[in-house]
Amino acid sequence: MPALLHKNALVQCAHPPGQGQPTAVSPKVSVSGQPIVTQTTPYKISGCSMPPPTGGNGPCVTGTWQTASLTVKADGVPVLLVTSSSICAPTGTPMRVSASQQKVQAR
C-alpha cells in the first residue's frame, strides 16, 4: 500500500529543480506530525527549468491531482498518496513525489 502525502513531502515537476508546494492542507489530520494533503488541493510550482515558448511550453506553474485514495478521506475529500497521478500546467507533464513519510498507508 502506498503512503499518504503530507505538507512537506518532496514533490517536483518533471523539470528539475521545479518544486511543488500545496496551497492548502487538511489541518484536522496529521501524519508524522505534519498535516496531510487532499486531492482537491492544487500545488504551486516554483523553479521549473522548462523554457517558455518558443523554446518550450513552460515553465510549470501549478499542479493538480487526478487520482487519490479510494478508501481514505479527510473532511469528505480523498487523501493524496505518493502514487497519486498528477498534471502540471501549462506543460501537461506530471509531478512526482521524491520523498514522503512512510508510516501511514492507504489504498
C-alpha atoms as a PDB file:
ATOM      1  CA  MET A   1       0.000   0.000   0.000  1.00  0.00           C
ATOM      2  CA  PRO A   2       1.275   3.498  -0.799  1.00  0.00           C
ATOM      3  CA  ALA A   3       1.947   6.125   1.859  1.00  0.00           C
ATOM      4  CA  LEU A   4      -0.155   9.243   2.454  1.00  0.00           C
ATOM      5  CA  LEU A   5       1.218  12.550   1.190  1.00  0.00           C
ATOM      6  CA  HIS A   6       1.886  15.293   3.745  1.00  0.00           C
ATOM      7  CA  LYS A   7       2.644  19.017   3.585  1.00  0.00           C
ATOM      8  CA  ASN A   8       6.438  18.793   3.491  1.00  0.00           C
ATOM      9  CA  ALA A   9       6.759  15.812   1.159  1.00  0.00           C
ATOM     10  CA  LEU A  10       9.254  16.444  -1.629  1.00  0.00           C
ATOM     11  CA  VAL A  11       7.130  16.965  -4.760  1.00  0.00           C
ATOM     12  CA  GLN A  12       8.759  18.047  -8.019  1.00  0.00           C
ATOM     13  CA  CYS A  13       7.653  18.803 -11.538  1.00  0.00           C
ATOM     14  CA  ALA A  14       9.332  16.887 -14.377  1.00  0.00           C
ATOM     15  CA  HIS A  15      11.838  19.701 -14.950  1.00  0.00           C
ATOM     16  CA  PRO A  16      14.425  19.943 -12.167  1.00  0.00           C
ATOM     17  CA  PRO A  17      14.761  21.786  -9.916  1.00  0.00           C
ATOM     18  CA  GLY A  18      11.000  22.570 -10.020  1.00  0.00           C
ATOM     19  CA  GLN A  19       9.484  22.200  -6.549  1.00  0.00           C
ATOM     20  CA  GLY A  20       5.801  21.808  -5.696  1.00  0.00           C
ATOM     21  CA  GLN A  21       4.118  23.009  -2.516  1.00  0.00           C
ATOM     22  CA  PRO A  22       0.457  22.516  -1.582  1.00  0.00           C
ATOM     23  CA  THR A  23      -1.644  25.678  -1.469  1.00  0.00           C
ATOM     24  CA  ALA A  24      -3.629  24.259   1.475  1.00  0.00           C
ATOM     25  CA  VAL A  25      -3.576  21.311   3.879  1.00  0.00           C
ATOM     26  CA  SER A  26      -6.068  19.329   5.911  1.00  0.00           C
ATOM     27  CA  PRO A  27      -5.476  20.745   9.423  1.00  0.00           C
ATOM     28  CA  LYS A  28      -7.501  18.029  11.177  1.00  0.00           C
ATOM     29  CA  VAL A  29      -5.359  15.078  10.033  1.00  0.00           C
ATOM     30  CA  SER A  30      -1.602  14.717  10.530  1.00  0.00           C
ATOM     31  CA  VAL A  31       0.969  12.030   9.807  1.00  0.00           C
ATOM     32  CA  SER A  32       4.485  12.196  11.233  1.00  0.00           C
ATOM     33  CA  GLY A  33       3.453  15.497  12.829  1.00  0.00           C
ATOM     34  CA  GLN A  34       2.566  17.134   9.521  1.00  0.00           C
ATOM     35  CA  PRO A  35      -0.846  17.871   8.003  1.00  0.00           C
ATOM     36  CA  ILE A  36      -1.901  15.729   5.059  1.00  0.00           C
ATOM     37  CA  VAL A  37      -2.965  16.937   1.624  1.00  0.00           C
ATOM     38  CA  THR A  38      -6.234  16.112  -0.163  1.00  0.00           C
ATOM     39  CA  GLN A  39      -6.983  15.602  -3.851  1.00  0.00           C
ATOM     40  CA  THR A  40      -8.639  18.998  -4.410  1.00  0.00           C
ATOM     41  CA  THR A  41      -5.540  20.921  -3.277  1.00  0.00           C
ATOM     42  CA  PRO A  42      -3.566  22.486  -6.133  1.00  0.00           C
ATOM     43  CA  TYR A  43       0.200  22.727  -5.886  1.00  0.00           C
ATOM     44  CA  LYS A  44       2.226  25.841  -6.675  1.00  0.00           C
ATOM     45  CA  ILE A  45       5.338  25.041  -8.726  1.00  0.00           C
ATOM     46  CA  SER A  46       8.483  27.162  -8.468  1.00  0.00           C
ATOM     47  CA  GLY A  47      11.894  26.799 -10.082  1.00  0.00           C
ATOM     48  CA  CYS A  48      10.771  24.834 -13.160  1.00  0.00           C
ATOM     49  CA  SER A  49      13.507  24.779 -15.812  1.00  0.00           C
ATOM     50  CA  MET A  50      11.211  24.206 -18.821  1.00  0.00           C
ATOM     51  CA  PRO A  51      11.708  27.211 -21.128  1.00  0.00           C
ATOM     52  CA  PRO A  52       8.767  29.355 -22.229  1.00  0.00           C
ATOM     53  CA  PRO A  53       7.572  29.435 -25.853  1.00  0.00           C
ATOM     54  CA  THR A  54       9.264  29.242 -28.399  1.00  0.00           C
ATOM     55  CA  GLY A  55      11.824  27.023 -26.680  1.00  0.00           C
ATOM     56  CA  GLY A  56       9.191  25.001 -24.815  1.00  0.00           C
ATOM     57  CA  ASN A  57       5.738  25.359 -23.267  1.00  0.00           C
ATOM     58  CA  GLY A  58       6.816  26.070 -19.715  1.00  0.00           C
ATOM     59  CA  PRO A  59       7.598  26.746 -17.047  1.00  0.00           C
ATOM     60  CA  CYS A  60       5.299  24.651 -14.857  1.00  0.00           C
ATOM     61  CA  VAL A  61       3.228  26.979 -12.650  1.00  0.00           C
ATOM     62  CA  THR A  62       0.615  24.757 -10.981  1.00  0.00           C
ATOM     63  CA  GLY A  63      -0.041  21.081 -10.478  1.00  0.00           C
ATOM     64  CA  THR A  64      -3.313  19.250  -9.878  1.00  0.00           C
ATOM     65  CA  TRP A  65      -4.029  15.665  -8.841  1.00  0.00           C
ATOM     66  CA  GLN A  66      -6.125  13.245 -10.911  1.00  0.00           C
ATOM     67  CA  THR A  67      -6.123  10.277  -8.539  1.00  0.00           C
ATOM     68  CA  ALA A  68      -6.122   9.789  -4.771  1.00  0.00           C
ATOM     69  CA  SER A  69      -7.010   7.206  -2.139  1.00  0.00           C
ATOM     70  CA  LEU A  70     -10.059   5.084  -2.913  1.00  0.00           C
ATOM     71  CA  THR A  71     -10.767   4.371   0.743  1.00  0.00           C
ATOM     72  CA  VAL A  72      -9.432   7.184   2.959  1.00  0.00           C
ATOM     73  CA  LYS A  73     -10.895  10.690   3.110  1.00  0.00           C
ATOM     74  CA  ALA A  74     -10.320  13.815   5.193  1.00  0.00           C
ATOM     75  CA  ASP A  75     -13.297  16.170   5.506  1.00  0.00           C
ATOM     76  CA  GLY A  76     -15.002  14.091   2.815  1.00  0.00           C
ATOM     77  CA  VAL A  77     -12.186  14.521   0.267  1.00  0.00           C
ATOM     78  CA  PRO A  78      -9.860  11.671  -0.819  1.00  0.00           C
ATOM     79  CA  VAL A  79      -6.346  11.992   0.597  1.00  0.00           C
ATOM     80  CA  LEU A  80      -3.305  12.035  -1.677  1.00  0.00           C
ATOM     81  CA  LEU A  81      -0.927   9.098  -1.890  1.00  0.00           C
ATOM     82  CA  VAL A  82       2.687   9.026  -3.019  1.00  0.00           C
ATOM     83  CA  THR A  83       1.420   7.120  -6.083  1.00  0.00           C
ATOM     84  CA  SER A  84      -1.341   9.621  -6.987  1.00  0.00           C
ATOM     85  CA  SER A  85      -1.192  10.806 -10.595  1.00  0.00           C
ATOM     86  CA  SER A  86      -0.961  14.494 -11.415  1.00  0.00           C
ATOM     87  CA  ILE A  87      -0.549  17.024 -14.184  1.00  0.00           C
ATOM     88  CA  CYS A  88       1.231  20.391 -14.317  1.00  0.00           C
ATOM     89  CA  ALA A  89       0.021  23.443 -16.187  1.00  0.00           C
ATOM     90  CA  PRO A  90       0.832  24.626 -18.749  1.00  0.00           C
ATOM     91  CA  THR A  91       3.258  21.826 -19.692  1.00  0.00           C
ATOM     92  CA  GLY A  92       0.988  18.793 -19.235  1.00  0.00           C
ATOM     93  CA  THR A  93       3.756  16.856 -17.505  1.00  0.00           C
ATOM     94  CA  PRO A  94       3.299  15.023 -14.170  1.00  0.00           C
ATOM     95  CA  MET A  95       4.554  15.905 -10.722  1.00  0.00           C
ATOM     96  CA  ARG A  96       6.481  13.202  -8.890  1.00  0.00           C
ATOM     97  CA  VAL A  97       6.878  12.523  -5.195  1.00  0.00           C
ATOM     98  CA  SER A  98      10.537  12.025  -4.302  1.00  0.00           C
ATOM     99  CA  ALA A  99      10.205  11.737  -0.510  1.00  0.00           C
ATOM    100  CA  SER A 100       7.367  11.429   1.997  1.00  0.00           C
ATOM    101  CA  GLN A 101       6.554   9.795   5.308  1.00  0.00           C
ATOM    102  CA  GLN A 102       6.176   6.007   5.112  1.00  0.00           C
ATOM    103  CA  LYS A 103       4.367   5.100   8.337  1.00  0.00           C
ATOM    104  CA  VAL A 104       0.745   5.703   7.302  1.00  0.00           C
ATOM    105  CA  GLN A 105      -0.515   3.936   4.209  1.00  0.00           C
ATOM    106  CA  ALA A 106      -3.827   3.629   2.347  1.00  0.00           C
ATOM    107  CA  ARG A 107      -5.415   2.282  -0.799  1.00  0.00           C
END
